Amino acid sequence: MRDIGTQEIETDRLLLRRFTLNDTYAMYHNWAGDEEVTSHLPWNSHKSMEETGRYILQVCQTYQNPDFYHWAIALKEKDQAIGFLQAEIEKNTDCARLSFCLGRQWWNKGYMKEAAGAVITYLFEQVQAERISACCEGNNRTAGKVLLRCGLQGEGRLRRAWCGKKGITDLLCYGLLRSDYLRRKSMEKLDINSLYITNYREAGGLPLMNIMRLPEEEAFSFAGKLAEKTTSKNNRYGDYFARYYQKRKATEEWLYEKFCQGGGRPKNRHPIYFVLGEDPGFQAFYGTADSIRIPLRDIAADEISFTPRDSMHLKDMGMTEGTVWNKTAFLDMIEKSGKRVGEYIFSLPGFYGNPGSYIEVQLWNDDYLDAYINSDESTKEE
């Protein structure tokens, strides 16, 4: 992480800036002295402006620490402080934990989502945080909605884990990983009329090939060589390969059968795998920039299939019905949802509590690879 401290952030309606002693009156009257507003906070409402002034003085003195992040949320047109947003840094995990508060006069106007969204962007892109988290009382539905609308995922409910001002209550936990943030950001640019698919591969891997196409003995021999020089974070070619091979074999038999049942006409028994759009998470996973991109419009509907997230995980979990789509069915689902492409993808069910944050694509005809591997539209890098 980068320790760059509380820097000014500007949004359409707000200015997120450092507190000054001039904010004492606004802070006390707008939220700090209001018992209803502070009812979900860990500290009691202030009894006087003097108490608020002492608090702001302490905050101002702490700004000299480069890992201190504490913003006043101010209306841009008046430079009036209407709330605060703080991020506490956990250095050992590169995690930033959010807390915030907004004066009741400005509730239900989208200000908190606007401020939190800007800070989340700042923490991921400038501070380089790996994870952002937040917790709120189980009965604080407003805070939970803000966090969800900012892209955080609900990660669980800790029952009777918090002693608040109204007694012991549940604690709701939310979180967002950097990889999911970057994936969502890349998907925001996707348009249904200009979709494309991207293939990533690790250094030393088979270029635009599927190891399952090799005879079994040759596949195991080649896997041993790949295991020695893989750049992937998950060495599937090492000791795990025997199990991986059997699971992948069963998965591709299932994919082939379901694709054909849906009207697919595969030219190969084993597909080449892509993701829809781009995926920074896969690029980081494979540890290489090698990729090729093909416009979806150029691929026939009966030569390509789609699954929500990883097809092998789908097969493992028994999610084998209605999860292999041809091009026509997939695009129809997006259009009927009324959502943008990226929004639709993230609304899909995920695995192990994770959001449905990418679409795996199976290409069943190598002719498209020959057409694009050396074209100007390809992003393949050597």
Protein backbone atom coordinates (compact mmCIF):
# COMPACT_ATOMS: atom_id res chain seq x y z
CA MET A 1 0.00 0.00 0.00
CA ARG A 2 0.99 3.62 -0.49
CA ASP A 3 0.81 5.94 2.52
CA ILE A 4 -0.43 9.17 0.97
CA GLY A 5 -2.83 10.40 3.64
CA THR A 6 -6.06 12.36 3.47
CA GLN A 7 -6.04 14.15 0.14
CA GLU A 8 -8.84 16.23 -1.31
CA ILE A 9 -11.41 14.39 -3.42
CA GLU A 10 -14.02 16.17 -5.52
CA THR A 11 -17.30 14.68 -6.77
CA ASP A 12 -20.24 16.19 -8.62
CA ARG A 13 -21.80 17.67 -5.48
CA LEU A 14 -19.25 17.15 -2.74
CA LEU A 15 -15.79 18.10 -1.61
CA LEU A 16 -14.07 15.52 0.58
CA ARG A 17 -11.33 17.36 2.43
CA ARG A 18 -9.46 17.60 5.71
CA PHE A 19 -11.23 18.97 8.74
CA THR A 20 -10.33 22.41 10.08
CA LEU A 21 -11.33 24.11 13.32
CA ASN A 22 -13.74 26.19 11.23
CA ASP A 23 -15.86 23.02 10.92
CA THR A 24 -16.59 22.91 14.66
CA TYR A 25 -20.01 24.57 14.48
CA ALA A 26 -21.17 22.54 11.46
CA MET A 27 -19.98 19.22 12.87
CA TYR A 28 -21.63 19.76 16.24
CA HIS A 29 -24.97 20.97 14.89
CA ASN A 30 -25.17 18.74 11.80
CA TRP A 31 -24.32 15.35 13.32
CA ALA A 32 -21.98 15.10 16.33
CA GLY A 33 -24.49 16.62 18.77
CA ASP A 34 -27.47 14.70 17.38
CA GLU A 35 -28.22 11.55 19.41
CA GLU A 36 -30.30 9.99 16.63
CA VAL A 37 -27.54 10.44 14.05
CA THR A 38 -24.85 9.03 16.34
CA SER A 39 -26.99 6.19 17.67
CA HIS A 40 -25.13 3.62 15.55
CA LEU A 41 -21.64 5.05 16.14
CA PRO A 42 -19.20 3.64 18.73
CA TRP A 43 -18.84 7.06 20.40
CA ASN A 44 -21.47 9.10 22.24
CA SER A 45 -22.95 12.30 20.87
CA HIS A 46 -21.04 15.42 21.86
CA LYS A 47 -22.43 17.46 24.74
CA SER A 48 -20.97 20.79 23.64
CA MET A 49 -19.19 22.58 20.81
CA GLU A 50 -16.08 22.60 22.99
CA GLU A 51 -16.04 18.80 22.90
CA THR A 52 -16.39 18.87 19.13
CA GLY A 53 -13.58 21.41 18.87
CA ARG A 54 -11.26 19.18 20.90
CA TYR A 55 -12.10 16.25 18.64
CA ILE A 56 -11.37 18.21 15.46
CA LEU A 57 -8.10 19.50 16.93
CA GLN A 58 -7.01 15.92 17.58
CA VAL A 59 -7.96 14.93 14.02
CA CYS A 60 -6.03 17.88 12.56
CA GLN A 61 -2.93 16.96 14.54
CA THR A 62 -3.14 13.37 13.28
CA TYR A 63 -3.18 14.45 9.62
CA GLN A 64 0.61 14.53 9.79
CA ASN A 65 0.54 10.71 9.78
CA PRO A 66 0.65 9.53 6.14
CA ASP A 67 -1.54 6.50 6.89
CA PHE A 68 -4.38 8.53 8.44
CA TYR A 69 -7.50 8.89 6.30
CA HIS A 70 -10.31 11.03 7.71
CA TRP A 71 -12.43 13.26 5.48
CA ALA A 72 -14.99 15.93 6.14
CA ILE A 73 -17.88 15.51 3.70
CA ALA A 74 -18.68 19.04 2.56
CA LEU A 75 -21.25 20.43 0.15
CA LYS A 76 -19.25 21.81 -2.73
CA GLU A 77 -21.43 24.88 -3.28
CA LYS A 78 -21.24 26.04 0.37
CA ASP A 79 -18.17 24.19 1.69
CA GLN A 80 -20.38 23.17 4.60
CA ALA A 81 -19.42 19.99 6.48
CA ILE A 82 -22.38 17.60 6.60
CA GLY A 83 -20.66 14.38 7.72
CA PHE A 84 -17.43 12.42 7.85
CA LEU A 85 -15.86 9.35 6.30
CA GLN A 86 -12.89 7.51 7.80
CA ALA A 87 -10.72 4.63 6.59
CA GLU A 88 -8.64 2.76 9.16
CA ILE A 89 -5.69 0.92 7.63
CA GLU A 90 -4.66 -2.60 8.58
CA LYS A 91 -1.09 -2.83 7.30
CA ASN A 92 -0.69 -6.59 7.72
CA THR A 93 -3.56 -7.30 5.31
CA ASP A 94 -3.50 -4.11 3.18
CA CYS A 95 -7.13 -3.64 4.18
CA ALA A 96 -9.01 -0.36 4.71
CA ARG A 97 -11.98 -0.44 7.11
CA LEU A 98 -14.62 2.23 6.45
CA SER A 99 -16.83 4.12 8.89
CA PHE A 100 -19.04 7.10 8.11
CA CYS A 101 -21.82 9.38 9.31
CA LEU A 102 -24.08 11.94 7.67
CA GLY A 103 -26.31 14.66 9.14
CA ARG A 104 -30.01 13.74 9.03
CA GLN A 105 -30.91 16.77 6.92
CA TRP A 106 -29.00 15.19 4.02
CA TRP A 107 -30.28 11.62 4.31
CA ASN A 108 -31.90 9.88 1.31
CA LYS A 109 -30.30 12.21 -1.22
CA GLY A 110 -27.46 9.97 -2.39
CA TYR A 111 -24.71 11.98 -0.69
CA MET A 112 -23.29 9.08 1.32
CA LYS A 113 -23.09 6.76 -1.69
CA GLU A 114 -21.41 9.55 -3.67
CA ALA A 115 -18.83 10.15 -0.94
CA ALA A 116 -18.16 6.48 -0.15
CA GLY A 117 -17.88 5.59 -3.83
CA ALA A 118 -15.25 8.29 -4.34
CA VAL A 119 -13.24 7.16 -1.31
CA ILE A 120 -13.38 3.52 -2.41
CA THR A 121 -11.95 4.54 -5.78
CA TYR A 122 -9.24 6.57 -4.02
CA LEU A 123 -8.30 3.69 -1.72
CA PHE A 124 -8.05 1.13 -4.50
CA GLU A 125 -6.45 3.27 -7.20
CA GLN A 126 -4.28 5.68 -5.21
CA VAL A 127 -3.59 3.95 -1.89
CA GLN A 128 -3.47 0.52 -3.57
CA ALA A 129 -5.53 -1.23 -0.90
CA GLU A 130 -6.19 -4.93 -1.51
CA ARG A 131 -9.46 -5.03 0.38
CA ILE A 132 -12.06 -2.62 1.76
CA SER A 133 -14.36 -3.71 4.57
CA ALA A 134 -17.06 -2.24 6.77
CA CYS A 135 -19.40 -3.41 9.51
CA CYS A 136 -22.67 -2.03 10.81
CA GLU A 137 -25.30 -2.96 13.38
CA GLY A 138 -27.85 -5.47 12.19
CA ASN A 139 -30.67 -2.92 12.46
CA ASN A 140 -28.78 -0.19 10.58
CA ARG A 141 -30.32 -0.97 7.19
CA THR A 142 -29.41 2.41 5.70
CA ALA A 143 -25.67 1.88 6.14
CA GLY A 144 -25.95 -1.62 4.71
CA LYS A 145 -27.73 -0.32 1.61
CA VAL A 146 -25.03 2.31 1.07
CA LEU A 147 -22.30 -0.32 1.22
CA LEU A 148 -24.10 -2.64 -1.19
CA ARG A 149 -24.74 0.18 -3.64
CA CYS A 150 -21.03 1.01 -3.54
CA GLY A 151 -20.18 -2.51 -4.65
CA LEU A 152 -19.32 -4.18 -1.34
CA GLN A 153 -20.63 -7.70 -0.85
CA GLY A 154 -22.39 -8.98 2.24
CA GLU A 155 -19.96 -11.36 3.90
CA GLY A 156 -21.94 -12.52 6.89
CA ARG A 157 -23.87 -11.77 10.05
CA LEU A 158 -22.14 -12.12 13.42
CA ARG A 159 -24.97 -12.83 15.82
CA ARG A 160 -25.03 -10.78 19.04
CA ALA A 161 -21.47 -9.66 18.40
CA TRP A 162 -21.83 -5.91 19.07
CA CYS A 163 -22.79 -4.00 22.18
CA GLY A 164 -24.31 -0.77 20.92
CA LYS A 165 -26.21 2.04 22.56
CA LYS A 166 -29.44 0.05 22.36
CA GLY A 167 -27.99 -3.17 23.72
CA ILE A 168 -26.38 -6.25 22.22
CA THR A 169 -27.11 -6.67 18.53
CA ASP A 170 -25.94 -8.51 15.44
CA LEU A 171 -23.07 -7.18 13.35
CA LEU A 172 -23.29 -7.20 9.55
CA CYS A 173 -20.00 -7.47 7.65
CA TYR A 174 -19.28 -6.27 4.12
CA GLY A 175 -16.19 -6.38 1.93
CA LEU A 176 -14.79 -5.73 -1.52
CA LEU A 177 -11.55 -7.08 -2.96
CA ARG A 178 -9.34 -5.08 -5.26
CA SER A 179 -9.63 -7.80 -7.92
CA ASP A 180 -13.45 -7.56 -7.90
CA TYR A 181 -13.29 -3.76 -7.98
CA LEU A 182 -11.03 -3.81 -11.06
CA ARG A 183 -13.18 -6.48 -12.70
CA ARG A 184 -16.33 -4.45 -12.15
CA LYS A 185 -14.60 -1.31 -13.43
CA SER A 186 -13.57 -3.03 -16.65
CA MET A 187 -17.10 -4.36 -17.12
CA GLU A 188 -18.68 -0.92 -16.79
CA LYS A 189 -17.38 -0.18 -20.28
CA LEU A 190 -18.99 -3.24 -21.85
CA ASP A 191 -21.77 -2.58 -24.35
CA ILE A 192 -23.96 -5.35 -25.70
CA ASN A 193 -23.30 -4.19 -29.26
CA SER A 194 -19.51 -4.20 -28.93
CA LEU A 195 -18.74 -7.19 -26.72
CA TYR A 196 -15.52 -9.15 -27.09
CA ILE A 197 -13.86 -12.17 -25.50
CA THR A 198 -10.32 -12.35 -24.11
CA ASN A 199 -7.99 -15.32 -23.65
CA TYR A 200 -5.21 -15.08 -21.05
CA ARG A 201 -2.43 -17.60 -20.70
CA GLU A 202 0.50 -18.14 -18.40
CA ALA A 203 4.11 -17.91 -19.53
CA GLY A 204 5.28 -21.20 -20.98
CA GLY A 205 1.74 -22.46 -21.52
CA LEU A 206 0.27 -23.86 -24.69
CA PRO A 207 -0.51 -20.82 -26.87
CA LEU A 208 -4.25 -20.85 -27.55
CA MET A 209 -4.42 -24.59 -26.97
CA ASN A 210 -6.23 -26.95 -24.61
CA ILE A 211 -4.05 -29.55 -22.90
CA MET A 212 -7.00 -31.94 -22.99
CA ARG A 213 -6.52 -32.28 -26.75
CA LEU A 214 -3.25 -34.13 -26.19
CA PRO A 215 -3.13 -37.90 -25.68
CA GLU A 216 -3.27 -38.60 -21.95
CA GLU A 217 0.36 -39.71 -21.60
CA GLU A 218 1.58 -36.71 -23.58
CA ALA A 219 -0.64 -34.38 -21.55
CA PHE A 220 0.88 -35.57 -18.27
CA SER A 221 4.41 -35.27 -19.67
CA PHE A 222 3.78 -31.72 -20.85
CA ALA A 223 2.12 -30.80 -17.55
CA GLY A 224 5.31 -31.79 -15.75
CA LYS A 225 7.30 -29.35 -17.87
CA LEU A 226 4.78 -26.56 -17.31
CA ALA A 227 4.85 -27.10 -13.55
CA GLU A 228 8.51 -26.08 -13.46
CA LYS A 229 8.04 -22.69 -15.11
CA THR A 230 4.44 -21.69 -14.52
CA THR A 231 3.74 -18.08 -13.52
CA SER A 232 0.23 -18.92 -12.33
CA LYS A 233 -0.71 -18.43 -8.67
CA ASN A 234 -2.27 -21.90 -8.75
CA ASN A 235 0.09 -24.58 -10.08
CA ARG A 236 -2.52 -26.91 -11.55
CA TYR A 237 0.23 -28.71 -13.48
CA GLY A 238 2.05 -29.92 -10.37
CA ASP A 239 0.91 -32.58 -7.91
CA TYR A 240 -2.69 -31.51 -8.48
CA PHE A 241 -2.66 -32.31 -12.21
CA ALA A 242 -3.90 -35.93 -11.98
CA ARG A 243 -7.01 -34.75 -10.17
CA TYR A 244 -7.32 -31.67 -12.39
CA TYR A 245 -7.13 -33.82 -15.53
CA GLN A 246 -10.03 -36.05 -14.46
CA LYS A 247 -12.17 -33.11 -13.36
CA ARG A 248 -11.47 -31.18 -16.54
CA LYS A 249 -12.25 -34.26 -18.65
CA ALA A 250 -15.63 -34.70 -16.96
CA THR A 251 -16.34 -30.97 -17.25
CA GLU A 252 -15.65 -30.86 -20.98
CA GLU A 253 -17.81 -33.92 -21.61
CA TRP A 254 -20.64 -32.10 -19.81
CA LEU A 255 -20.02 -28.82 -21.66
CA TYR A 256 -19.96 -30.59 -25.03
CA GLU A 257 -23.20 -32.45 -24.33
CA LYS A 258 -25.09 -29.38 -23.08
CA PHE A 259 -23.77 -27.18 -25.88
CA CYS A 260 -24.95 -29.66 -28.52
CA GLN A 261 -28.33 -30.02 -26.83
CA GLY A 262 -28.75 -26.25 -27.08
CA GLY A 263 -28.10 -26.22 -30.82
CA GLY A 264 -24.33 -25.86 -30.74
CA ARG A 265 -22.22 -27.19 -33.59
CA PRO A 266 -18.70 -27.58 -32.15
CA LYS A 267 -15.84 -28.23 -34.56
CA ASN A 268 -13.59 -29.38 -31.70
CA ARG A 269 -14.27 -31.76 -28.85
CA HIS A 270 -12.30 -29.55 -26.44
CA PRO A 271 -12.81 -25.75 -26.51
CA ILE A 272 -10.42 -22.85 -25.99
CA TYR A 273 -11.36 -20.84 -22.92
CA PHE A 274 -11.94 -17.08 -22.78
CA VAL A 275 -13.63 -14.57 -20.50
CA LEU A 276 -16.21 -12.04 -21.60
CA GLY A 277 -14.62 -8.60 -21.89
CA GLU A 278 -11.43 -8.18 -19.88
CA ASP A 279 -10.52 -9.46 -16.45
CA PRO A 280 -7.61 -7.89 -14.52
CA GLY A 281 -7.94 -10.69 -11.98
CA PHE A 282 -7.04 -13.34 -14.55
CA GLN A 283 -4.17 -11.26 -15.87
CA ALA A 284 -2.75 -11.04 -12.34
CA PHE A 285 -3.47 -14.72 -11.70
CA TYR A 286 -1.46 -15.88 -14.71
CA GLY A 287 1.30 -13.36 -14.12
CA THR A 288 1.56 -12.39 -17.78
CA ALA A 289 0.20 -9.86 -20.23
CA ASP A 290 -0.17 -12.43 -23.04
CA SER A 291 -3.73 -12.29 -24.37
CA ILE A 292 -5.85 -12.32 -27.48
CA ARG A 293 -9.15 -10.52 -27.95
CA ILE A 294 -11.86 -11.43 -30.48
CA PRO A 295 -15.05 -9.40 -31.17
CA LEU A 296 -18.11 -11.41 -30.22
CA ARG A 297 -20.02 -10.18 -33.27
CA ASP A 298 -17.68 -12.18 -35.54
CA ILE A 299 -18.41 -15.54 -33.90
CA ALA A 300 -21.36 -17.67 -35.01
CA ALA A 301 -23.98 -18.35 -32.34
CA ASP A 302 -23.60 -22.13 -32.69
CA GLU A 303 -19.81 -22.11 -32.21
CA ILE A 304 -19.50 -20.43 -28.82
CA SER A 305 -20.94 -21.06 -25.35
CA PHE A 306 -21.03 -19.23 -22.02
CA THR A 307 -21.14 -20.23 -18.35
CA PRO A 308 -21.49 -18.11 -15.18
CA ARG A 309 -17.97 -18.16 -13.74
CA ASP A 310 -15.79 -21.28 -13.86
CA SER A 311 -17.32 -24.27 -15.65
CA MET A 312 -15.34 -26.82 -13.62
CA HIS A 313 -16.68 -25.32 -10.38
CA LEU A 314 -20.20 -25.49 -11.80
CA LYS A 315 -19.75 -29.19 -12.53
CA ASP A 316 -18.22 -29.85 -9.09
CA MET A 317 -21.15 -28.16 -7.34
CA GLY A 318 -23.79 -29.99 -9.36
CA MET A 319 -24.98 -26.78 -11.06
CA THR A 320 -25.27 -28.55 -14.40
CA GLU A 321 -28.74 -27.53 -15.60
CA GLY A 322 -29.38 -24.23 -17.34
CA THR A 323 -25.81 -22.98 -16.91
CA VAL A 324 -24.43 -23.54 -20.43
CA TRP A 325 -25.76 -20.92 -22.84
CA ASN A 326 -25.26 -20.35 -26.54
CA LYS A 327 -24.69 -16.85 -27.87
CA THR A 328 -28.32 -16.15 -28.74
CA ALA A 329 -29.64 -17.28 -25.35
CA PHE A 330 -26.97 -15.36 -23.44
CA LEU A 331 -27.57 -12.05 -25.24
CA ASP A 332 -31.34 -12.49 -24.88
CA MET A 333 -30.97 -12.90 -21.10
CA ILE A 334 -29.03 -9.65 -20.85
CA GLU A 335 -31.52 -7.70 -22.94
CA LYS A 336 -34.54 -9.05 -21.06
CA SER A 337 -32.95 -8.16 -17.70
CA GLY A 338 -32.97 -4.46 -18.59
CA LYS A 339 -29.51 -4.14 -17.04
CA ARG A 340 -26.18 -3.09 -18.43
CA VAL A 341 -23.85 -5.95 -19.31
CA GLY A 342 -21.55 -5.51 -16.32
CA GLU A 343 -24.46 -5.01 -13.93
CA TYR A 344 -26.10 -8.20 -15.19
CA ILE A 345 -22.92 -10.26 -14.81
CA PHE A 346 -22.42 -9.11 -11.21
CA SER A 347 -26.04 -9.98 -10.40
CA LEU A 348 -25.46 -13.65 -11.23
CA PRO A 349 -25.08 -16.12 -8.35
CA GLY A 350 -21.49 -16.72 -7.33
CA PHE A 351 -19.52 -19.47 -5.64
CA TYR A 352 -18.42 -19.70 -2.03
CA GLY A 353 -20.01 -16.34 -1.17
CA ASN A 354 -18.30 -14.51 -4.04
CA PRO A 355 -20.22 -12.36 -6.54
CA GLY A 356 -20.93 -13.72 -10.02
CA SER A 357 -18.22 -11.48 -11.36
CA TYR A 358 -17.21 -12.95 -14.70
CA ILE A 359 -18.48 -15.04 -17.59
CA GLU A 360 -16.39 -17.95 -18.84
CA VAL A 361 -16.54 -18.40 -22.61
CA GLN A 362 -15.87 -21.60 -24.54
CA LEU A 363 -14.85 -21.23 -28.20
CA TRP A 364 -15.46 -24.42 -30.20
CA ASN A 365 -13.90 -23.45 -33.55
CA ASP A 366 -10.18 -22.68 -33.96
CA ASP A 367 -10.74 -20.87 -37.26
CA TYR A 368 -11.43 -17.68 -35.31
CA LEU A 369 -8.02 -17.91 -33.67
CA ASP A 370 -6.29 -18.14 -37.03
CA ALA A 371 -8.21 -15.07 -38.20
CA TYR A 372 -7.33 -12.86 -35.23
CA ILE A 373 -4.06 -14.04 -33.76
CA ASN A 374 -2.04 -11.79 -36.04
CA SER A 375 -4.66 -9.13 -36.77
CA ASP A 376 -4.59 -5.50 -35.62
CA GLU A 377 -7.64 -6.16 -33.42
CA SER A 378 -5.74 -8.75 -31.37
CA THR A 379 -4.17 -7.67 -28.09
CA LYS A 380 -1.75 -10.59 -28.07
CA GLU A 381 1.65 -9.55 -26.77
CA GLU A 382 4.92 -11.45 -27.00
